Amino acid sequence: MAAKHRIDERYLEFPDYGARRMAAQLQRDGHPLDRKTARKYMQEMGLIAVYPGPNLSKRQSEHRVFPYLLRDVTPNAPNHVWGTDITYVRLRHGWMFLVAVLDWYSRYIVSWALDDTLELPFVLDAARRALETATPQIWNTDQGSQFTSPQFTQVVLQAGARLSMDGKGRALDNIFTERLWRTIKYDHIYLHDFATPREARQSLTHFLRVYNERRLHQLLGYRPPAEVYFAKPAA
């Protein structure tokens, strides 16, 4: 498990690492891991060395892929563009998966969900709860099977949003959500040793509330995301 935790840290730092370089890196870090084992661990964790980075599920061939709509588009207001992605959350003796719906303009986390599997229900739960708050003009995801599934696409399209999907090899498609993962992991997850799923859930609930409501962002004029998202005047 220690080797997997180190892979998680190194992959966040170097998302282009494949099994060969990851094994070499871990050997330098004091973990005697060969390439075959590194590949096995990365596959179990859903970490694939493709751009833009983590690809926690592969698209089903029969699922529809939507075109990328954000070329030369800059989010200019709350609910203009949302992004959704999934990342790995390590526990002391296992792992869970975190999905978040992020408003790209304000960096506000509209909703999130945590589960111990990559099955579809927790993604649908996060999507439906986000839509109770608002509907974006454009909703961007990667091409993972959860997001190309008819169930997810139907939820988005019936709400009146346009669905956009990252193109292969586009490293910056979901950059705002990737930055969120860095913040959550470096500023919280890596500083704690979650013993149980319940402990992880309780801790993340507190941290993400602080992130939304109290944490000041330099690019937001030193205001927290909720203040910008809900258009409250700066103090």
C-alpha atoms as a PDB file:
ATOM      1  CA  MET A   1       0.000   0.000   0.000  1.00  0.00           C
ATOM      2  CA  ALA A   2       2.904   2.378   0.674  1.00  0.00           C
ATOM      3  CA  ALA A   3       4.029   1.926  -2.924  1.00  0.00           C
ATOM      4  CA  LYS A   4       0.545   2.795  -4.198  1.00  0.00           C
ATOM      5  CA  HIS A   5       0.466   5.896  -2.041  1.00  0.00           C
ATOM      6  CA  ARG A   6       3.800   6.954  -3.517  1.00  0.00           C
ATOM      7  CA  ILE A   7       2.531   6.272  -7.033  1.00  0.00           C
ATOM      8  CA  ASP A   8      -0.444   8.521  -6.289  1.00  0.00           C
ATOM      9  CA  GLU A   9       1.874  11.350  -5.209  1.00  0.00           C
ATOM     10  CA  ARG A  10       4.265  10.950  -8.110  1.00  0.00           C
ATOM     11  CA  TYR A  11       1.492  10.659 -10.690  1.00  0.00           C
ATOM     12  CA  LEU A  12      -0.022  13.932  -9.551  1.00  0.00           C
ATOM     13  CA  GLU A  13       3.403  15.504 -10.055  1.00  0.00           C
ATOM     14  CA  PHE A  14       4.228  13.671 -13.308  1.00  0.00           C
ATOM     15  CA  PRO A  15       0.989  12.616 -15.091  1.00  0.00           C
ATOM     16  CA  ASP A  16       2.937  11.575 -18.187  1.00  0.00           C
ATOM     17  CA  TYR A  17       4.723   8.761 -16.349  1.00  0.00           C
ATOM     18  CA  GLY A  18       4.112   5.300 -17.705  1.00  0.00           C
ATOM     19  CA  ALA A  19       4.897   2.079 -15.850  1.00  0.00           C
ATOM     20  CA  ARG A  20       8.590   2.069 -16.858  1.00  0.00           C
ATOM     21  CA  ARG A  21       9.342   5.570 -15.592  1.00  0.00           C
ATOM     22  CA  MET A  22       7.108   5.131 -12.559  1.00  0.00           C
ATOM     23  CA  ALA A  23       9.027   1.997 -11.565  1.00  0.00           C
ATOM     24  CA  ALA A  24      12.330   3.837 -12.014  1.00  0.00           C
ATOM     25  CA  GLN A  25      11.046   6.765  -9.962  1.00  0.00           C
ATOM     26  CA  LEU A  26       9.832   4.566  -7.128  1.00  0.00           C
ATOM     27  CA  GLN A  27      13.137   2.727  -7.074  1.00  0.00           C
ATOM     28  CA  ARG A  28      14.835   6.095  -6.578  1.00  0.00           C
ATOM     29  CA  ASP A  29      12.325   6.812  -3.808  1.00  0.00           C
ATOM     30  CA  GLY A  30      13.233   3.621  -1.969  1.00  0.00           C
ATOM     31  CA  HIS A  31      10.444   1.333  -3.198  1.00  0.00           C
ATOM     32  CA  PRO A  32      11.900  -1.708  -5.048  1.00  0.00           C
ATOM     33  CA  LEU A  33       9.193  -1.946  -7.695  1.00  0.00           C
ATOM     34  CA  ASP A  34       9.589  -3.496 -11.131  1.00  0.00           C
ATOM     35  CA  ARG A  35       7.821  -2.319 -14.262  1.00  0.00           C
ATOM     36  CA  LYS A  36       5.261  -5.142 -14.236  1.00  0.00           C
ATOM     37  CA  THR A  37       4.195  -4.413 -10.676  1.00  0.00           C
ATOM     38  CA  ALA A  38       4.082  -0.683 -11.327  1.00  0.00           C
ATOM     39  CA  ARG A  39       1.787  -1.275 -14.305  1.00  0.00           C
ATOM     40  CA  LYS A  40      -0.460  -3.537 -12.215  1.00  0.00           C
ATOM     41  CA  TYR A  41      -0.757  -0.969  -9.425  1.00  0.00           C
ATOM     42  CA  MET A  42      -1.407   1.891 -11.843  1.00  0.00           C
ATOM     43  CA  GLN A  43      -4.144  -0.082 -13.566  1.00  0.00           C
ATOM     44  CA  GLU A  44      -5.769  -0.943 -10.237  1.00  0.00           C
ATOM     45  CA  MET A  45      -5.722   2.743  -9.302  1.00  0.00           C
ATOM     46  CA  GLY A  46      -7.062   3.860 -12.667  1.00  0.00           C
ATOM     47  CA  LEU A  47      -3.904   5.786 -13.536  1.00  0.00           C
ATOM     48  CA  ILE A  48      -3.056   5.642 -17.216  1.00  0.00           C
ATOM     49  CA  ALA A  49      -0.146   7.571 -18.743  1.00  0.00           C
ATOM     50  CA  VAL A  50      -2.191   9.480 -21.289  1.00  0.00           C
ATOM     51  CA  TYR A  51      -2.854  13.201 -21.539  1.00  0.00           C
ATOM     52  CA  PRO A  52      -4.417  15.138 -19.907  1.00  0.00           C
ATOM     53  CA  GLY A  53      -3.634  12.825 -16.987  1.00  0.00           C
ATOM     54  CA  PRO A  54      -5.732  10.467 -14.885  1.00  0.00           C
ATOM     55  CA  ASN A  55      -8.264   8.513 -16.898  1.00  0.00           C
ATOM     56  CA  LEU A  56     -10.122   6.559 -14.281  1.00  0.00           C
ATOM     57  CA  SER A  57     -12.310   4.719 -16.742  1.00  0.00           C
ATOM     58  CA  LYS A  58     -12.218   3.865 -20.402  1.00  0.00           C
ATOM     59  CA  ARG A  59     -14.996   4.725 -22.789  1.00  0.00           C
ATOM     60  CA  GLN A  60     -17.321   1.940 -23.890  1.00  0.00           C
ATOM     61  CA  SER A  61     -17.106   1.601 -27.668  1.00  0.00           C
ATOM     62  CA  GLU A  62     -20.877   1.814 -28.064  1.00  0.00           C
ATOM     63  CA  HIS A  63     -21.158   5.045 -26.092  1.00  0.00           C
ATOM     64  CA  ARG A  64     -21.524   8.343 -27.924  1.00  0.00           C
ATOM     65  CA  VAL A  65     -18.670  10.842 -27.666  1.00  0.00           C
ATOM     66  CA  PHE A  66     -19.567  14.529 -27.814  1.00  0.00           C
ATOM     67  CA  PRO A  67     -17.366  17.150 -29.487  1.00  0.00           C
ATOM     68  CA  TYR A  68     -15.072  19.439 -27.532  1.00  0.00           C
ATOM     69  CA  LEU A  69     -16.767  22.845 -27.279  1.00  0.00           C
ATOM     70  CA  LEU A  70     -14.232  24.905 -25.345  1.00  0.00           C
ATOM     71  CA  ARG A  71     -11.625  25.734 -27.965  1.00  0.00           C
ATOM     72  CA  ASP A  72     -10.903  29.465 -27.545  1.00  0.00           C
ATOM     73  CA  VAL A  73     -13.680  29.725 -24.925  1.00  0.00           C
ATOM     74  CA  THR A  74     -12.966  31.531 -21.653  1.00  0.00           C
ATOM     75  CA  PRO A  75     -15.500  31.100 -18.825  1.00  0.00           C
ATOM     76  CA  ASN A  76     -16.920  34.577 -18.197  1.00  0.00           C
ATOM     77  CA  ALA A  77     -19.629  34.066 -15.563  1.00  0.00           C
ATOM     78  CA  PRO A  78     -20.880  31.525 -13.033  1.00  0.00           C
ATOM     79  CA  ASN A  79     -22.552  28.540 -14.694  1.00  0.00           C
ATOM     80  CA  HIS A  80     -20.997  29.304 -18.062  1.00  0.00           C
ATOM     81  CA  VAL A  81     -18.787  26.194 -17.936  1.00  0.00           C
ATOM     82  CA  TRP A  82     -18.758  23.309 -15.498  1.00  0.00           C
ATOM     83  CA  GLY A  83     -16.175  20.545 -15.439  1.00  0.00           C
ATOM     84  CA  THR A  84     -16.512  17.094 -13.937  1.00  0.00           C
ATOM     85  CA  ASP A  85     -13.734  14.617 -13.233  1.00  0.00           C
ATOM     86  CA  ILE A  86     -12.832  11.723 -10.931  1.00  0.00           C
ATOM     87  CA  THR A  87      -9.726  11.265  -8.821  1.00  0.00           C
ATOM     88  CA  TYR A  88      -8.275   8.678  -6.455  1.00  0.00           C
ATOM     89  CA  VAL A  89      -8.411   9.219  -2.670  1.00  0.00           C
ATOM     90  CA  ARG A  90      -6.068   7.031  -0.683  1.00  0.00           C
ATOM     91  CA  LEU A  91      -6.939   5.400   2.608  1.00  0.00           C
ATOM     92  CA  ARG A  92      -4.612   3.649   5.023  1.00  0.00           C
ATOM     93  CA  HIS A  93      -5.706   0.253   3.712  1.00  0.00           C
ATOM     94  CA  GLY A  94      -7.385   0.950   0.408  1.00  0.00           C
ATOM     95  CA  TRP A  95      -8.765   3.752  -1.680  1.00  0.00           C
ATOM     96  CA  MET A  96     -11.907   5.572  -2.712  1.00  0.00           C
ATOM     97  CA  PHE A  97     -12.893   7.704  -5.674  1.00  0.00           C
ATOM     98  CA  LEU A  98     -13.942  11.354  -5.595  1.00  0.00           C
ATOM     99  CA  VAL A  99     -16.040  12.994  -8.309  1.00  0.00           C
ATOM    100  CA  ALA A 100     -16.553  16.755  -8.339  1.00  0.00           C
ATOM    101  CA  VAL A 101     -18.609  19.203 -10.389  1.00  0.00           C
ATOM    102  CA  LEU A 102     -16.619  22.437 -10.591  1.00  0.00           C
ATOM    103  CA  ASP A 103     -17.755  25.830 -11.867  1.00  0.00           C
ATOM    104  CA  TRP A 104     -14.763  26.962 -13.890  1.00  0.00           C
ATOM    105  CA  TYR A 105     -15.359  30.700 -13.567  1.00  0.00           C
ATOM    106  CA  SER A 106     -15.590  30.850  -9.773  1.00  0.00           C
ATOM    107  CA  ARG A 107     -13.763  27.589  -8.900  1.00  0.00           C
ATOM    108  CA  TYR A 108     -16.829  26.754  -6.789  1.00  0.00           C
ATOM    109  CA  ILE A 109     -17.455  23.045  -6.171  1.00  0.00           C
ATOM    110  CA  VAL A 110     -21.131  22.785  -7.044  1.00  0.00           C
ATOM    111  CA  SER A 111     -21.351  19.188  -5.822  1.00  0.00           C
ATOM    112  CA  TRP A 112     -19.183  16.160  -5.115  1.00  0.00           C
ATOM    113  CA  ALA A 113     -19.517  12.502  -4.185  1.00  0.00           C
ATOM    114  CA  LEU A 114     -17.237   9.845  -2.748  1.00  0.00           C
ATOM    115  CA  ASP A 115     -17.471   6.095  -3.284  1.00  0.00           C
ATOM    116  CA  ASP A 116     -15.346   2.983  -3.002  1.00  0.00           C
ATOM    117  CA  THR A 117     -16.019   1.908  -6.602  1.00  0.00           C
ATOM    118  CA  LEU A 118     -16.025   3.548 -10.017  1.00  0.00           C
ATOM    119  CA  GLU A 119     -19.577   2.446 -10.730  1.00  0.00           C
ATOM    120  CA  LEU A 120     -21.965   4.962 -12.287  1.00  0.00           C
ATOM    121  CA  PRO A 121     -24.387   5.783  -9.400  1.00  0.00           C
ATOM    122  CA  PHE A 122     -22.099   8.114  -7.449  1.00  0.00           C
ATOM    123  CA  VAL A 123     -21.395  10.146 -10.592  1.00  0.00           C
ATOM    124  CA  LEU A 124     -25.114  10.456 -11.333  1.00  0.00           C
ATOM    125  CA  ASP A 125     -25.727  11.468  -7.736  1.00  0.00           C
ATOM    126  CA  ALA A 126     -23.209  14.317  -7.974  1.00  0.00           C
ATOM    127  CA  ALA A 127     -24.629  15.446 -11.332  1.00  0.00           C
ATOM    128  CA  ARG A 128     -28.227  15.516 -10.133  1.00  0.00           C
ATOM    129  CA  ARG A 129     -27.361  17.371  -6.937  1.00  0.00           C
ATOM    130  CA  ALA A 130     -25.390  19.951  -8.935  1.00  0.00           C
ATOM    131  CA  LEU A 131     -28.407  20.561 -11.164  1.00  0.00           C
ATOM    132  CA  GLU A 132     -30.486  21.330  -8.089  1.00  0.00           C
ATOM    133  CA  THR A 133     -28.307  24.448  -7.763  1.00  0.00           C
ATOM    134  CA  ALA A 134     -28.138  25.598 -11.392  1.00  0.00           C
ATOM    135  CA  THR A 135     -27.686  24.496 -15.015  1.00  0.00           C
ATOM    136  CA  PRO A 136     -24.475  25.348 -16.891  1.00  0.00           C
ATOM    137  CA  GLN A 137     -24.345  26.408 -20.500  1.00  0.00           C
ATOM    138  CA  ILE A 138     -21.543  23.901 -21.193  1.00  0.00           C
ATOM    139  CA  TRP A 139     -20.645  20.820 -19.134  1.00  0.00           C
ATOM    140  CA  ASN A 140     -17.177  19.429 -19.861  1.00  0.00           C
ATOM    141  CA  THR A 141     -15.937  15.919 -19.031  1.00  0.00           C
ATOM    142  CA  ASP A 142     -13.389  13.418 -20.263  1.00  0.00           C
ATOM    143  CA  GLN A 143     -14.355  10.364 -22.310  1.00  0.00           C
ATOM    144  CA  GLY A 144     -14.602   7.956 -19.378  1.00  0.00           C
ATOM    145  CA  SER A 145     -17.389   5.411 -19.484  1.00  0.00           C
ATOM    146  CA  GLN A 146     -19.313   7.113 -16.676  1.00  0.00           C
ATOM    147  CA  PHE A 147     -19.527  10.360 -18.650  1.00  0.00           C
ATOM    148  CA  THR A 148     -20.267   8.815 -22.044  1.00  0.00           C
ATOM    149  CA  SER A 149     -22.935   6.554 -20.538  1.00  0.00           C
ATOM    150  CA  PRO A 150     -26.498   7.183 -21.768  1.00  0.00           C
ATOM    151  CA  GLN A 151     -27.613   7.735 -18.174  1.00  0.00           C
ATOM    152  CA  PHE A 152     -25.173  10.599 -17.571  1.00  0.00           C
ATOM    153  CA  THR A 153     -25.568  12.240 -20.968  1.00  0.00           C
ATOM    154  CA  GLN A 154     -29.348  12.120 -20.611  1.00  0.00           C
ATOM    155  CA  VAL A 155     -29.197  13.883 -17.238  1.00  0.00           C
ATOM    156  CA  VAL A 156     -27.044  16.664 -18.701  1.00  0.00           C
ATOM    157  CA  LEU A 157     -28.914  17.143 -21.961  1.00  0.00           C
ATOM    158  CA  GLN A 158     -32.376  17.013 -20.419  1.00  0.00           C
ATOM    159  CA  ALA A 159     -31.316  19.783 -18.057  1.00  0.00           C
ATOM    160  CA  GLY A 160     -30.581  21.970 -21.090  1.00  0.00           C
ATOM    161  CA  ALA A 161     -26.773  21.997 -20.911  1.00  0.00           C
ATOM    162  CA  ARG A 162     -24.462  21.373 -23.851  1.00  0.00           C
ATOM    163  CA  LEU A 163     -22.086  18.469 -23.297  1.00  0.00           C
ATOM    164  CA  SER A 164     -18.409  18.856 -24.175  1.00  0.00           C
ATOM    165  CA  MET A 165     -15.787  16.109 -23.972  1.00  0.00           C
ATOM    166  CA  ASP A 166     -12.009  16.366 -23.848  1.00  0.00           C
ATOM    167  CA  GLY A 167     -10.173  15.346 -26.974  1.00  0.00           C
ATOM    168  CA  LYS A 168      -7.395  12.781 -26.696  1.00  0.00           C
ATOM    169  CA  GLY A 169      -3.998  14.364 -26.237  1.00  0.00           C
ATOM    170  CA  ARG A 170      -5.375  17.715 -25.033  1.00  0.00           C
ATOM    171  CA  ALA A 171      -3.453  18.363 -21.843  1.00  0.00           C
ATOM    172  CA  LEU A 172      -5.279  21.549 -20.841  1.00  0.00           C
ATOM    173  CA  ASP A 173      -8.900  20.553 -21.478  1.00  0.00           C
ATOM    174  CA  ASN A 174      -9.768  20.079 -17.812  1.00  0.00           C
ATOM    175  CA  ILE A 175      -7.033  22.207 -16.266  1.00  0.00           C
ATOM    176  CA  PHE A 176      -9.273  23.856 -13.657  1.00  0.00           C
ATOM    177  CA  THR A 177     -10.371  20.506 -12.257  1.00  0.00           C
ATOM    178  CA  GLU A 178      -6.783  19.222 -12.320  1.00  0.00           C
ATOM    179  CA  ARG A 179      -5.769  22.239 -10.229  1.00  0.00           C
ATOM    180  CA  LEU A 180      -8.566  21.420  -7.802  1.00  0.00           C
ATOM    181  CA  TRP A 181      -7.214  17.884  -7.395  1.00  0.00           C
ATOM    182  CA  ARG A 182      -3.781  19.276  -6.604  1.00  0.00           C
ATOM    183  CA  THR A 183      -5.229  21.560  -3.942  1.00  0.00           C
ATOM    184  CA  ILE A 184      -7.276  18.795  -2.327  1.00  0.00           C
ATOM    185  CA  LYS A 185      -4.427  16.297  -2.320  1.00  0.00           C
ATOM    186  CA  TYR A 186      -1.485  18.484  -1.325  1.00  0.00           C
ATOM    187  CA  ASP A 187      -3.385  20.626   1.161  1.00  0.00           C
ATOM    188  CA  HIS A 188      -5.502  17.910   2.744  1.00  0.00           C
ATOM    189  CA  ILE A 189      -5.349  14.259   1.685  1.00  0.00           C
ATOM    190  CA  TYR A 190      -1.558  13.929   1.853  1.00  0.00           C
ATOM    191  CA  LEU A 191      -1.564  15.548   5.296  1.00  0.00           C
ATOM    192  CA  HIS A 192      -3.924  12.940   6.730  1.00  0.00           C
ATOM    193  CA  ASP A 193      -4.012   9.198   7.141  1.00  0.00           C
ATOM    194  CA  PHE A 194      -7.635   8.186   6.668  1.00  0.00           C
ATOM    195  CA  ALA A 195      -8.266   4.874   8.404  1.00  0.00           C
ATOM    196  CA  THR A 196     -11.817   4.335   7.135  1.00  0.00           C
ATOM    197  CA  PRO A 197     -14.148   5.555   4.382  1.00  0.00           C
ATOM    198  CA  ARG A 198     -16.246   7.299   7.033  1.00  0.00           C
ATOM    199  CA  GLU A 199     -13.231   9.209   8.306  1.00  0.00           C
ATOM    200  CA  ALA A 200     -12.305  10.253   4.769  1.00  0.00           C
ATOM    201  CA  ARG A 201     -15.843  11.393   4.029  1.00  0.00           C
ATOM    202  CA  GLN A 202     -16.152  13.448   7.212  1.00  0.00           C
ATOM    203  CA  SER A 203     -12.751  15.059   6.727  1.00  0.00           C
ATOM    204  CA  LEU A 204     -13.335  15.898   3.063  1.00  0.00           C
ATOM    205  CA  THR A 205     -16.769  17.302   3.852  1.00  0.00           C
ATOM    206  CA  HIS A 206     -15.162  19.804   6.223  1.00  0.00           C
ATOM    207  CA  PHE A 207     -12.250  20.634   3.917  1.00  0.00           C
ATOM    208  CA  LEU A 208     -14.402  21.172   0.818  1.00  0.00           C
ATOM    209  CA  ARG A 209     -16.780  23.406   2.755  1.00  0.00           C
ATOM    210  CA  VAL A 210     -13.811  25.505   3.863  1.00  0.00           C
ATOM    211  CA  TYR A 211     -12.496  25.507   0.275  1.00  0.00           C
ATOM    212  CA  ASN A 212     -15.804  26.819  -1.056  1.00  0.00           C
ATOM    213  CA  GLU A 213     -16.720  29.283   1.644  1.00  0.00           C
ATOM    214  CA  ARG A 214     -13.536  30.518   3.294  1.00  0.00           C
ATOM    215  CA  ARG A 215     -10.395  29.762   1.283  1.00  0.00           C
ATOM    216  CA  LEU A 216      -9.210  32.896  -0.556  1.00  0.00           C
ATOM    217  CA  HIS A 217      -8.095  32.530  -4.182  1.00  0.00           C
ATOM    218  CA  GLN A 218      -5.594  34.950  -5.645  1.00  0.00           C
ATOM    219  CA  LEU A 219      -7.097  34.734  -9.137  1.00  0.00           C
ATOM    220  CA  LEU A 220     -10.509  35.580  -7.683  1.00  0.00           C
ATOM    221  CA  GLY A 221      -9.245  38.822  -6.167  1.00  0.00           C
ATOM    222  CA  TYR A 222      -8.627  37.121  -2.826  1.00  0.00           C
ATOM    223  CA  ARG A 223     -12.236  36.038  -2.449  1.00  0.00           C
ATOM    224  CA  PRO A 224     -13.560  32.535  -1.754  1.00  0.00           C
ATOM    225  CA  PRO A 225     -15.307  30.654  -4.573  1.00  0.00           C
ATOM    226  CA  ALA A 226     -18.788  30.792  -3.019  1.00  0.00           C
ATOM    227  CA  GLU A 227     -18.656  34.579  -2.882  1.00  0.00           C
ATOM    228  CA  VAL A 228     -17.864  34.768  -6.580  1.00  0.00           C
ATOM    229  CA  TYR A 229     -20.257  32.004  -7.600  1.00  0.00           C
ATOM    230  CA  PHE A 230     -23.215  33.520  -5.798  1.00  0.00           C
ATOM    231  CA  ALA A 231     -22.180  37.033  -6.867  1.00  0.00           C
ATOM    232  CA  LYS A 232     -21.832  38.443  -3.364  1.00  0.00           C
ATOM    233  CA  PRO A 233     -20.022  41.789  -3.255  1.00  0.00           C
ATOM    234  CA  ALA A 234     -16.440  41.765  -2.058  1.00  0.00           C
ATOM    235  CA  ALA A 235     -16.014  42.794   1.555  1.00  0.00           C
END
